[in-house]
Amino acid sequence: MNTLSLPIAVSLMVVTGIVGLAGGYYVSPTYQQTMYVKEEMGLGQADRFVDLRYINKMAAHHTGAMLLASQVENTSQRKEIKALAADIKEGEPKLINELYQWKKDWYDDTRKVTDPIVAKLGSADEKLDLRFLNALIAHHEAGIEMTQEVRKKSSRKEILDNADAVENFLSTTLITLKDWRTQWYNIK
């Protein structure tokens, strides 16, 4: 009876595993996406999955705005902040749903992104709104960086139109947020 020696069997298992991993990496966005999970890596290279990475990061970005808004919607004393929080919580789900529809249509991927970690704004004291403004300003600036990056790496019209619309909204809103911070806290 012919049997494989243990070293040959182990070698075959290792080679099969490597080939399987390499093949999966090539054909599956799940394998390739794992390289770009870290926030500091941006959207990664301009490959066939850059749109998927943008969709996931932008869905997380919109979710992050809702998580920040949830922290001030019932605790802020300013009507402007309460109205902004309400607008965020009403509008962002629609934007997220559009992204998830693209993800399903283009990649047959129905997985939801993990909620991002956002700043904990703390107690409802006189600086709550300042902490919210600072967090949202940084959030908007990161979103603008993402839209600028995807415009250099994507060629899909829907993604480019989305990036334009998001950047326009974030840039306009950023002016308002900074104006409020200057008016209310004398911080430029």
N, C-alpha and C. Protein backbone atom coordinates (compact mmCIF):
# COMPACT_ATOMS: atom_id res chain seq x y z
N MET A 1 0.84 -1.16 0.00
CA MET A 1 0.00 0.00 0.00
C MET A 1 0.90 1.24 0.00
N ASN A 2 0.61 2.17 -0.90
CA ASN A 2 1.38 3.40 -0.98
C ASN A 2 0.78 4.44 -0.04
N THR A 3 1.60 5.04 0.78
CA THR A 3 1.15 6.12 1.66
C THR A 3 2.14 7.26 1.55
N LEU A 4 1.65 8.46 1.78
CA LEU A 4 2.50 9.64 1.76
C LEU A 4 3.25 9.75 3.08
N SER A 5 4.45 10.20 2.97
CA SER A 5 5.18 10.44 4.21
C SER A 5 4.62 11.70 4.86
N LEU A 6 4.80 11.83 6.15
CA LEU A 6 4.30 12.99 6.89
C LEU A 6 4.85 14.30 6.34
N PRO A 7 6.15 14.43 6.07
CA PRO A 7 6.66 15.70 5.53
C PRO A 7 6.03 16.06 4.18
N ILE A 8 5.79 15.10 3.34
CA ILE A 8 5.17 15.39 2.03
C ILE A 8 3.72 15.82 2.23
N ALA A 9 3.00 15.16 3.11
CA ALA A 9 1.61 15.51 3.37
C ALA A 9 1.50 16.92 3.92
N VAL A 10 2.37 17.27 4.86
CA VAL A 10 2.37 18.63 5.43
C VAL A 10 2.71 19.65 4.35
N SER A 11 3.70 19.34 3.52
CA SER A 11 4.09 20.25 2.44
C SER A 11 2.94 20.47 1.47
N LEU A 12 2.23 19.43 1.13
CA LEU A 12 1.08 19.56 0.24
C LEU A 12 -0.02 20.41 0.86
N MET A 13 -0.25 20.25 2.15
CA MET A 13 -1.26 21.06 2.83
C MET A 13 -0.86 22.53 2.84
N VAL A 14 0.39 22.83 3.10
CA VAL A 14 0.86 24.22 3.12
C VAL A 14 0.74 24.85 1.74
N VAL A 15 1.18 24.14 0.71
CA VAL A 15 1.10 24.65 -0.66
C VAL A 15 -0.36 24.87 -1.06
N THR A 16 -1.22 23.93 -0.75
CA THR A 16 -2.65 24.06 -1.07
C THR A 16 -3.24 25.28 -0.36
N GLY A 17 -2.88 25.47 0.89
CA GLY A 17 -3.37 26.64 1.64
C GLY A 17 -2.92 27.94 1.02
N ILE A 18 -1.65 28.02 0.62
CA ILE A 18 -1.12 29.24 0.02
C ILE A 18 -1.80 29.51 -1.32
N VAL A 19 -1.94 28.49 -2.13
CA VAL A 19 -2.61 28.65 -3.43
C VAL A 19 -4.07 29.08 -3.23
N GLY A 20 -4.74 28.49 -2.29
CA GLY A 20 -6.13 28.86 -2.00
C GLY A 20 -6.25 30.29 -1.52
N LEU A 21 -5.36 30.70 -0.65
CA LEU A 21 -5.36 32.06 -0.15
C LEU A 21 -5.08 33.05 -1.27
N ALA A 22 -4.11 32.76 -2.09
CA ALA A 22 -3.76 33.64 -3.21
C ALA A 22 -4.93 33.72 -4.20
N GLY A 23 -5.54 32.60 -4.51
CA GLY A 23 -6.69 32.60 -5.41
C GLY A 23 -7.86 33.37 -4.83
N GLY A 24 -8.14 33.17 -3.56
CA GLY A 24 -9.21 33.90 -2.89
C GLY A 24 -8.93 35.39 -2.84
N TYR A 25 -7.68 35.75 -2.63
CA TYR A 25 -7.29 37.15 -2.59
C TYR A 25 -7.57 37.82 -3.94
N TYR A 26 -7.30 37.09 -5.00
CA TYR A 26 -7.47 37.65 -6.34
C TYR A 26 -8.95 37.82 -6.70
N VAL A 27 -9.77 36.84 -6.41
CA VAL A 27 -11.16 36.87 -6.87
C VAL A 27 -12.15 37.46 -5.86
N SER A 28 -11.77 37.60 -4.64
CA SER A 28 -12.73 38.02 -3.61
C SER A 28 -12.41 39.38 -3.02
N PRO A 29 -13.40 40.29 -3.01
CA PRO A 29 -13.17 41.58 -2.38
C PRO A 29 -12.94 41.45 -0.88
N THR A 30 -13.45 40.40 -0.28
CA THR A 30 -13.27 40.21 1.15
C THR A 30 -11.80 40.07 1.50
N TYR A 31 -11.07 39.26 0.74
CA TYR A 31 -9.65 39.10 1.00
C TYR A 31 -8.91 40.41 0.76
N GLN A 32 -9.19 41.06 -0.36
CA GLN A 32 -8.47 42.28 -0.69
C GLN A 32 -8.82 43.41 0.26
N GLN A 33 -10.05 43.49 0.71
CA GLN A 33 -10.44 44.55 1.61
C GLN A 33 -9.68 44.50 2.93
N THR A 34 -9.30 43.32 3.36
CA THR A 34 -8.66 43.22 4.66
C THR A 34 -7.36 44.00 4.71
N MET A 35 -6.78 44.28 3.56
CA MET A 35 -5.56 45.09 3.53
C MET A 35 -5.85 46.54 3.86
N TYR A 36 -7.07 46.97 3.69
CA TYR A 36 -7.39 48.39 3.78
C TYR A 36 -8.33 48.72 4.93
N VAL A 37 -8.39 47.88 5.90
CA VAL A 37 -9.28 48.11 7.04
C VAL A 37 -8.79 49.27 7.88
N LYS A 38 -7.51 49.44 8.01
CA LYS A 38 -6.96 50.47 8.87
C LYS A 38 -7.29 51.85 8.31
N GLU A 39 -7.80 52.72 9.17
CA GLU A 39 -8.23 54.05 8.76
C GLU A 39 -7.10 54.84 8.09
N GLU A 40 -5.90 54.72 8.59
CA GLU A 40 -4.82 55.53 8.07
C GLU A 40 -4.38 55.12 6.68
N MET A 41 -4.91 54.06 6.14
CA MET A 41 -4.51 53.62 4.82
C MET A 41 -5.39 54.19 3.73
N GLY A 42 -6.38 55.01 4.04
CA GLY A 42 -7.22 55.58 3.02
C GLY A 42 -7.98 54.51 2.25
N LEU A 43 -8.13 54.75 0.96
CA LEU A 43 -8.88 53.82 0.12
C LEU A 43 -8.00 52.80 -0.57
N GLY A 44 -6.71 52.85 -0.34
CA GLY A 44 -5.82 51.90 -0.97
C GLY A 44 -5.57 52.25 -2.43
N GLN A 45 -5.12 51.28 -3.16
CA GLN A 45 -4.75 51.53 -4.55
C GLN A 45 -5.98 51.61 -5.45
N ALA A 46 -5.78 52.18 -6.62
CA ALA A 46 -6.86 52.32 -7.60
C ALA A 46 -7.05 51.01 -8.34
N ASP A 47 -7.67 50.06 -7.67
CA ASP A 47 -7.90 48.75 -8.29
C ASP A 47 -9.40 48.54 -8.49
N ARG A 48 -9.77 47.33 -8.82
CA ARG A 48 -11.18 47.06 -9.11
C ARG A 48 -12.08 47.08 -7.88
N PHE A 49 -11.50 47.20 -6.69
CA PHE A 49 -12.31 47.23 -5.48
C PHE A 49 -12.28 48.59 -4.77
N VAL A 50 -11.72 49.60 -5.41
CA VAL A 50 -11.66 50.92 -4.78
C VAL A 50 -13.06 51.46 -4.53
N ASP A 51 -14.00 51.21 -5.45
CA ASP A 51 -15.37 51.69 -5.25
C ASP A 51 -16.02 50.99 -4.06
N LEU A 52 -15.77 49.71 -3.91
CA LEU A 52 -16.32 48.97 -2.77
C LEU A 52 -15.74 49.51 -1.45
N ARG A 53 -14.45 49.77 -1.45
CA ARG A 53 -13.85 50.32 -0.23
C ARG A 53 -14.42 51.71 0.07
N TYR A 54 -14.63 52.51 -0.96
CA TYR A 54 -15.24 53.83 -0.77
C TYR A 54 -16.65 53.69 -0.21
N ILE A 55 -17.44 52.80 -0.79
CA ILE A 55 -18.81 52.58 -0.32
C ILE A 55 -18.79 52.21 1.17
N ASN A 56 -17.94 51.28 1.55
CA ASN A 56 -17.87 50.85 2.95
C ASN A 56 -17.43 52.00 3.86
N LYS A 57 -16.40 52.72 3.45
CA LYS A 57 -15.91 53.81 4.29
C LYS A 57 -16.89 54.97 4.35
N MET A 58 -17.57 55.24 3.25
CA MET A 58 -18.54 56.34 3.27
C MET A 58 -19.78 55.95 4.08
N ALA A 59 -20.19 54.68 4.01
CA ALA A 59 -21.31 54.23 4.86
C ALA A 59 -20.93 54.37 6.33
N ALA A 60 -19.70 53.99 6.67
CA ALA A 60 -19.23 54.15 8.05
C ALA A 60 -19.14 55.62 8.42
N HIS A 61 -18.74 56.45 7.47
CA HIS A 61 -18.65 57.89 7.72
C HIS A 61 -20.03 58.46 8.06
N HIS A 62 -21.04 58.11 7.27
CA HIS A 62 -22.40 58.59 7.54
C HIS A 62 -22.91 58.06 8.88
N THR A 63 -22.59 56.81 9.19
CA THR A 63 -22.99 56.24 10.47
C THR A 63 -22.32 56.99 11.62
N GLY A 64 -21.05 57.34 11.43
CA GLY A 64 -20.33 58.11 12.44
C GLY A 64 -21.00 59.44 12.73
N ALA A 65 -21.49 60.10 11.70
CA ALA A 65 -22.20 61.37 11.90
C ALA A 65 -23.46 61.15 12.75
N MET A 66 -24.17 60.05 12.49
CA MET A 66 -25.37 59.76 13.28
C MET A 66 -25.02 59.46 14.74
N LEU A 67 -23.92 58.75 14.94
CA LEU A 67 -23.51 58.44 16.32
C LEU A 67 -23.12 59.70 17.08
N LEU A 68 -22.46 60.63 16.41
CA LEU A 68 -22.14 61.91 17.06
C LEU A 68 -23.42 62.69 17.35
N ALA A 69 -24.32 62.75 16.37
CA ALA A 69 -25.57 63.49 16.55
C ALA A 69 -26.40 62.92 17.70
N SER A 70 -26.37 61.61 17.86
CA SER A 70 -27.14 60.97 18.94
C SER A 70 -26.70 61.45 20.31
N GLN A 71 -25.45 61.85 20.41
CA GLN A 71 -24.94 62.27 21.71
C GLN A 71 -25.39 63.67 22.12
N VAL A 72 -25.87 64.47 21.14
CA VAL A 72 -26.25 65.85 21.47
C VAL A 72 -27.72 66.15 21.23
N GLU A 73 -28.41 65.27 20.54
CA GLU A 73 -29.78 65.58 20.13
C GLU A 73 -30.71 65.91 21.30
N ASN A 74 -30.52 65.27 22.43
CA ASN A 74 -31.39 65.51 23.58
C ASN A 74 -30.71 66.26 24.71
N THR A 75 -29.44 66.60 24.53
CA THR A 75 -28.71 67.23 25.64
C THR A 75 -28.25 68.64 25.34
N SER A 76 -28.12 69.00 24.07
CA SER A 76 -27.69 70.36 23.74
C SER A 76 -28.79 71.35 24.09
N GLN A 77 -28.41 72.54 24.46
CA GLN A 77 -29.38 73.60 24.75
C GLN A 77 -29.57 74.52 23.55
N ARG A 78 -28.73 74.37 22.53
CA ARG A 78 -28.82 75.25 21.37
C ARG A 78 -29.75 74.65 20.31
N LYS A 79 -30.67 75.48 19.83
CA LYS A 79 -31.62 75.00 18.81
C LYS A 79 -30.90 74.65 17.52
N GLU A 80 -29.82 75.34 17.20
CA GLU A 80 -29.08 75.04 15.98
C GLU A 80 -28.46 73.63 16.03
N ILE A 81 -27.91 73.28 17.18
CA ILE A 81 -27.29 71.96 17.33
C ILE A 81 -28.37 70.88 17.32
N LYS A 82 -29.48 71.13 18.00
CA LYS A 82 -30.58 70.16 17.99
C LYS A 82 -31.12 69.95 16.59
N ALA A 83 -31.28 71.04 15.82
CA ALA A 83 -31.78 70.93 14.45
C ALA A 83 -30.78 70.19 13.57
N LEU A 84 -29.50 70.48 13.73
CA LEU A 84 -28.47 69.79 12.96
C LEU A 84 -28.47 68.30 13.28
N ALA A 85 -28.55 67.96 14.56
CA ALA A 85 -28.57 66.55 14.96
C ALA A 85 -29.78 65.84 14.36
N ALA A 86 -30.94 66.50 14.37
CA ALA A 86 -32.15 65.91 13.79
C ALA A 86 -31.99 65.72 12.28
N ASP A 87 -31.41 66.71 11.61
CA ASP A 87 -31.18 66.60 10.16
C ASP A 87 -30.24 65.44 9.83
N ILE A 88 -29.19 65.30 10.63
CA ILE A 88 -28.23 64.22 10.41
C ILE A 88 -28.93 62.87 10.58
N LYS A 89 -29.68 62.72 11.65
CA LYS A 89 -30.32 61.43 11.92
C LYS A 89 -31.42 61.11 10.92
N GLU A 90 -31.98 62.13 10.29
CA GLU A 90 -33.00 61.89 9.27
C GLU A 90 -32.38 61.63 7.89
N GLY A 91 -31.35 62.38 7.54
CA GLY A 91 -30.80 62.31 6.19
C GLY A 91 -29.79 61.21 5.94
N GLU A 92 -28.96 60.91 6.92
CA GLU A 92 -27.87 59.94 6.70
C GLU A 92 -28.35 58.54 6.35
N PRO A 93 -29.43 58.02 6.95
CA PRO A 93 -29.87 56.68 6.57
C PRO A 93 -30.20 56.55 5.08
N LYS A 94 -30.73 57.60 4.47
CA LYS A 94 -31.03 57.56 3.04
C LYS A 94 -29.74 57.43 2.23
N LEU A 95 -28.73 58.17 2.63
CA LEU A 95 -27.44 58.11 1.94
C LEU A 95 -26.79 56.74 2.10
N ILE A 96 -26.89 56.19 3.29
CA ILE A 96 -26.33 54.87 3.56
C ILE A 96 -27.05 53.81 2.73
N ASN A 97 -28.37 53.90 2.66
CA ASN A 97 -29.14 52.93 1.87
C ASN A 97 -28.75 52.95 0.40
N GLU A 98 -28.50 54.14 -0.15
CA GLU A 98 -28.06 54.24 -1.54
C GLU A 98 -26.71 53.53 -1.72
N LEU A 99 -25.79 53.75 -0.80
CA LEU A 99 -24.49 53.09 -0.87
C LEU A 99 -24.63 51.58 -0.79
N TYR A 100 -25.45 51.11 0.13
CA TYR A 100 -25.65 49.66 0.27
C TYR A 100 -26.32 49.06 -0.97
N GLN A 101 -27.18 49.82 -1.62
CA GLN A 101 -27.80 49.32 -2.85
C GLN A 101 -26.74 49.15 -3.94
N TRP A 102 -25.85 50.11 -4.07
CA TRP A 102 -24.75 49.98 -5.04
C TRP A 102 -23.88 48.76 -4.70
N LYS A 103 -23.59 48.62 -3.42
CA LYS A 103 -22.76 47.50 -2.99
C LYS A 103 -23.40 46.17 -3.37
N LYS A 104 -24.70 46.07 -3.18
CA LYS A 104 -25.43 44.85 -3.54
C LYS A 104 -25.45 44.65 -5.06
N ASP A 105 -25.78 45.72 -5.77
CA ASP A 105 -25.90 45.63 -7.24
C ASP A 105 -24.55 45.35 -7.91
N TRP A 106 -23.51 46.00 -7.48
CA TRP A 106 -22.22 45.91 -8.16
C TRP A 106 -21.35 44.76 -7.68
N TYR A 107 -21.48 44.39 -6.40
CA TYR A 107 -20.59 43.39 -5.81
C TYR A 107 -21.33 42.20 -5.22
N ASP A 108 -22.67 42.20 -5.31
CA ASP A 108 -23.48 41.14 -4.70
C ASP A 108 -23.10 40.95 -3.23
N ASP A 109 -22.91 42.08 -2.56
CA ASP A 109 -22.45 42.08 -1.17
C ASP A 109 -23.51 42.79 -0.34
N THR A 110 -24.10 42.09 0.60
CA THR A 110 -25.15 42.67 1.43
C THR A 110 -24.70 42.91 2.88
N ARG A 111 -23.41 42.73 3.12
CA ARG A 111 -22.91 42.94 4.49
C ARG A 111 -22.93 44.43 4.86
N LYS A 112 -23.28 44.70 6.09
CA LYS A 112 -23.26 46.06 6.62
C LYS A 112 -21.89 46.32 7.24
N VAL A 113 -21.49 47.58 7.24
CA VAL A 113 -20.21 47.92 7.84
C VAL A 113 -20.34 47.97 9.35
N THR A 114 -19.24 47.81 10.01
CA THR A 114 -19.20 47.92 11.46
C THR A 114 -19.29 49.40 11.83
N ASP A 115 -20.03 49.70 12.89
CA ASP A 115 -20.11 51.08 13.35
C ASP A 115 -18.72 51.59 13.68
N PRO A 116 -18.41 52.80 13.24
CA PRO A 116 -17.10 53.36 13.55
C PRO A 116 -17.02 53.79 15.01
N ILE A 117 -15.82 53.94 15.47
CA ILE A 117 -15.61 54.47 16.81
C ILE A 117 -15.59 55.99 16.68
N VAL A 118 -16.44 56.65 17.42
CA VAL A 118 -16.49 58.11 17.39
C VAL A 118 -16.14 58.66 18.76
N ALA A 119 -15.82 59.93 18.78
CA ALA A 119 -15.47 60.60 20.03
C ALA A 119 -16.63 60.53 21.01
N LYS A 120 -16.31 60.28 22.26
CA LYS A 120 -17.31 60.35 23.32
C LYS A 120 -17.34 61.80 23.79
N LEU A 121 -18.48 62.45 23.63
CA LEU A 121 -18.57 63.89 23.88
C LEU A 121 -18.72 64.25 25.35
N GLY A 122 -19.01 63.30 26.19
CA GLY A 122 -19.07 63.56 27.62
C GLY A 122 -20.40 64.14 28.07
N SER A 123 -20.36 64.75 29.23
CA SER A 123 -21.58 65.22 29.89
C SER A 123 -22.13 66.48 29.23
N ALA A 124 -23.37 66.76 29.55
CA ALA A 124 -24.08 67.92 29.00
C ALA A 124 -23.71 69.17 29.77
N ASP A 125 -22.48 69.59 29.63
CA ASP A 125 -22.04 70.82 30.29
C ASP A 125 -21.93 71.95 29.27
N GLU A 126 -21.36 73.08 29.69
CA GLU A 126 -21.28 74.25 28.81
C GLU A 126 -20.36 74.05 27.61
N LYS A 127 -19.55 73.01 27.59
CA LYS A 127 -18.63 72.76 26.48
C LYS A 127 -19.07 71.59 25.58
N LEU A 128 -20.25 71.04 25.84
CA LEU A 128 -20.73 69.91 25.03
C LEU A 128 -20.81 70.29 23.55
N ASP A 129 -21.41 71.43 23.27
CA ASP A 129 -21.56 71.84 21.88
C ASP A 129 -20.20 72.08 21.23
N LEU A 130 -19.25 72.60 21.97
CA LEU A 130 -17.90 72.80 21.44
C LEU A 130 -17.26 71.46 21.10
N ARG A 131 -17.41 70.50 21.98
CA ARG A 131 -16.85 69.16 21.70
C ARG A 131 -17.52 68.54 20.47
N PHE A 132 -18.84 68.74 20.35
CA PHE A 132 -19.55 68.24 19.18
C PHE A 132 -19.06 68.94 17.91
N LEU A 133 -18.95 70.26 17.96
CA LEU A 133 -18.47 71.00 16.79
C LEU A 133 -17.06 70.55 16.40
N ASN A 134 -16.18 70.42 17.36
CA ASN A 134 -14.81 69.97 17.06
C ASN A 134 -14.81 68.58 16.43
N ALA A 135 -15.61 67.68 16.99
CA ALA A 135 -15.67 66.32 16.45
C ALA A 135 -16.26 66.31 15.04
N LEU A 136 -17.31 67.09 14.84
CA LEU A 136 -17.96 67.12 13.52
C LEU A 136 -17.09 67.82 12.48
N ILE A 137 -16.36 68.83 12.89
CA ILE A 137 -15.43 69.50 11.96
C ILE A 137 -14.36 68.51 11.51
N ALA A 138 -13.76 67.79 12.44
CA ALA A 138 -12.75 66.79 12.08
C ALA A 138 -13.38 65.70 11.20
N HIS A 139 -14.59 65.31 11.53
CA HIS A 139 -15.33 64.29 10.76
C HIS A 139 -15.54 64.77 9.32
N HIS A 140 -15.97 66.02 9.17
CA HIS A 140 -16.19 66.58 7.83
C HIS A 140 -14.89 66.66 7.05
N GLU A 141 -13.83 67.07 7.70
CA GLU A 141 -12.53 67.18 7.01
C GLU A 141 -12.06 65.81 6.53
N ALA A 142 -12.27 64.79 7.32
CA ALA A 142 -11.90 63.42 6.91
C ALA A 142 -12.76 62.97 5.73
N GLY A 143 -14.03 63.32 5.74
CA GLY A 143 -14.91 62.97 4.63
C GLY A 143 -14.50 63.65 3.34
N ILE A 144 -14.08 64.91 3.44
CA ILE A 144 -13.61 65.64 2.26
C ILE A 144 -12.35 64.98 1.70
N GLU A 145 -11.44 64.58 2.57
CA GLU A 145 -10.24 63.88 2.11
C GLU A 145 -10.61 62.60 1.36
N MET A 146 -11.60 61.88 1.87
CA MET A 146 -12.01 60.63 1.23
C MET A 146 -12.60 60.91 -0.16
N THR A 147 -13.44 61.94 -0.28
CA THR A 147 -14.04 62.24 -1.59
C THR A 147 -12.97 62.68 -2.58
N GLN A 148 -11.99 63.44 -2.12
CA GLN A 148 -10.92 63.87 -3.01
C GLN A 148 -10.08 62.67 -3.47
N GLU A 149 -9.85 61.74 -2.56
CA GLU A 149 -9.07 60.56 -2.91
C GLU A 149 -9.80 59.68 -3.92
N VAL A 150 -11.10 59.46 -3.71
CA VAL A 150 -11.81 58.56 -4.62
C VAL A 150 -11.91 59.15 -6.03
N ARG A 151 -11.96 60.48 -6.11
CA ARG A 151 -12.02 61.09 -7.44
C ARG A 151 -10.74 60.84 -8.25
N LYS A 152 -9.65 60.61 -7.57
CA LYS A 152 -8.39 60.30 -8.25
C LYS A 152 -8.29 58.83 -8.63
N LYS A 153 -9.12 57.98 -8.01
CA LYS A 153 -8.94 56.54 -8.16
C LYS A 153 -10.10 55.81 -8.82
N SER A 154 -11.26 56.42 -8.89
CA SER A 154 -12.43 55.75 -9.45
C SER A 154 -12.76 56.33 -10.82
N SER A 155 -13.42 55.53 -11.62
CA SER A 155 -13.93 56.03 -12.91
C SER A 155 -15.44 55.81 -13.02
N ARG A 156 -16.04 55.30 -11.97
CA ARG A 156 -17.48 55.01 -11.99
C ARG A 156 -18.27 56.30 -11.75
N LYS A 157 -19.15 56.63 -12.68
CA LYS A 157 -19.89 57.89 -12.63
C LYS A 157 -20.65 58.07 -11.31
N GLU A 158 -21.33 57.03 -10.86
CA GLU A 158 -22.12 57.16 -9.63
C GLU A 158 -21.23 57.51 -8.44
N ILE A 159 -20.07 56.90 -8.37
CA ILE A 159 -19.14 57.18 -7.26
C ILE A 159 -18.62 58.61 -7.37
N LEU A 160 -18.26 59.03 -8.57
CA LEU A 160 -17.74 60.39 -8.76
C LEU A 160 -18.81 61.43 -8.46
N ASP A 161 -20.05 61.17 -8.89
CA ASP A 161 -21.15 62.09 -8.57
C ASP A 161 -21.41 62.13 -7.08
N ASN A 162 -21.34 60.97 -6.43
CA ASN A 162 -21.51 60.90 -4.98
C ASN A 162 -20.43 61.70 -4.27
N ALA A 163 -19.19 61.52 -4.70
CA ALA A 163 -18.08 62.23 -4.09
C ALA A 163 -18.25 63.74 -4.25
N ASP A 164 -18.70 64.18 -5.42
CA ASP A 164 -18.93 65.61 -5.64
C ASP A 164 -20.01 66.15 -4.71
N ALA A 165 -21.13 65.42 -4.62
CA ALA A 165 -22.24 65.86 -3.78
C ALA A 165 -21.86 65.87 -2.31
N VAL A 166 -21.18 64.82 -1.86
CA VAL A 166 -20.78 64.74 -0.46
C VAL A 166 -19.79 65.86 -0.13
N GLU A 167 -18.80 66.05 -0.99
CA GLU A 167 -17.82 67.10 -0.71
C GLU A 167 -18.46 68.48 -0.70
N ASN A 168 -19.37 68.74 -1.63
CA ASN A 168 -20.05 70.03 -1.66
C ASN A 168 -20.82 70.26 -0.35
N PHE A 169 -21.56 69.24 0.08
CA PHE A 169 -22.32 69.35 1.33
C PHE A 169 -21.39 69.55 2.52
N LEU A 170 -20.35 68.73 2.62
CA LEU A 170 -19.44 68.82 3.76
C LEU A 170 -18.71 70.16 3.79
N SER A 171 -18.29 70.65 2.65
CA SER A 171 -17.58 71.93 2.58
C SER A 171 -18.48 73.08 3.02
N THR A 172 -19.70 73.07 2.55
CA THR A 172 -20.66 74.12 2.92
C THR A 172 -20.97 74.06 4.41
N THR A 173 -21.24 72.87 4.89
CA THR A 173 -21.58 72.70 6.31
C THR A 173 -20.38 73.02 7.20
N LEU A 174 -19.19 72.72 6.73
CA LEU A 174 -17.98 73.00 7.49
C LEU A 174 -17.85 74.49 7.79
N ILE A 175 -18.21 75.33 6.84
CA ILE A 175 -18.18 76.78 7.04
C ILE A 175 -19.13 77.16 8.18
N THR A 176 -20.33 76.60 8.15
CA THR A 176 -21.31 76.89 9.21
C THR A 176 -20.81 76.43 10.57
N LEU A 177 -20.26 75.22 10.64
CA LEU A 177 -19.77 74.70 11.92
C LEU A 177 -18.66 75.58 12.48
N LYS A 178 -17.74 75.98 11.63
CA LYS A 178 -16.64 76.84 12.09
C LYS A 178 -17.14 78.22 12.49
N ASP A 179 -18.14 78.73 11.78
CA ASP A 179 -18.74 80.01 12.16
C ASP A 179 -19.39 79.93 13.54
N TRP A 180 -20.13 78.85 13.78
CA TRP A 180 -20.74 78.68 15.10
C TRP A 180 -19.68 78.61 16.18
N ARG A 181 -18.63 77.86 15.91
CA ARG A 181 -17.56 77.73 16.92
C ARG A 181 -16.94 79.09 17.22
N THR A 182 -16.77 79.91 16.19
CA THR A 182 -16.20 81.25 16.40
C THR A 182 -17.18 82.13 17.17
N GLN A 183 -18.45 82.11 16.77
CA GLN A 183 -19.46 82.95 17.43
C GLN A 183 -19.66 82.56 18.88
N TRP A 184 -19.77 81.27 19.16
CA TRP A 184 -20.13 80.80 20.48
C TRP A 184 -18.94 80.67 21.43
N TYR A 185 -17.77 80.38 20.88
CA TYR A 185 -16.62 80.09 21.73
C TYR A 185 -15.38 80.92 21.40
N ASN A 186 -15.51 81.80 20.40
CA ASN A 186 -14.41 82.64 19.97
C ASN A 186 -13.17 81.84 19.58
N ILE A 187 -13.41 80.72 18.91
CA ILE A 187 -12.33 79.86 18.42
C ILE A 187 -12.40 79.84 16.90
N LYS A 188 -11.28 80.11 16.29
CA LYS A 188 -11.25 80.12 14.82
C LYS A 188 -10.70 78.86 14.26
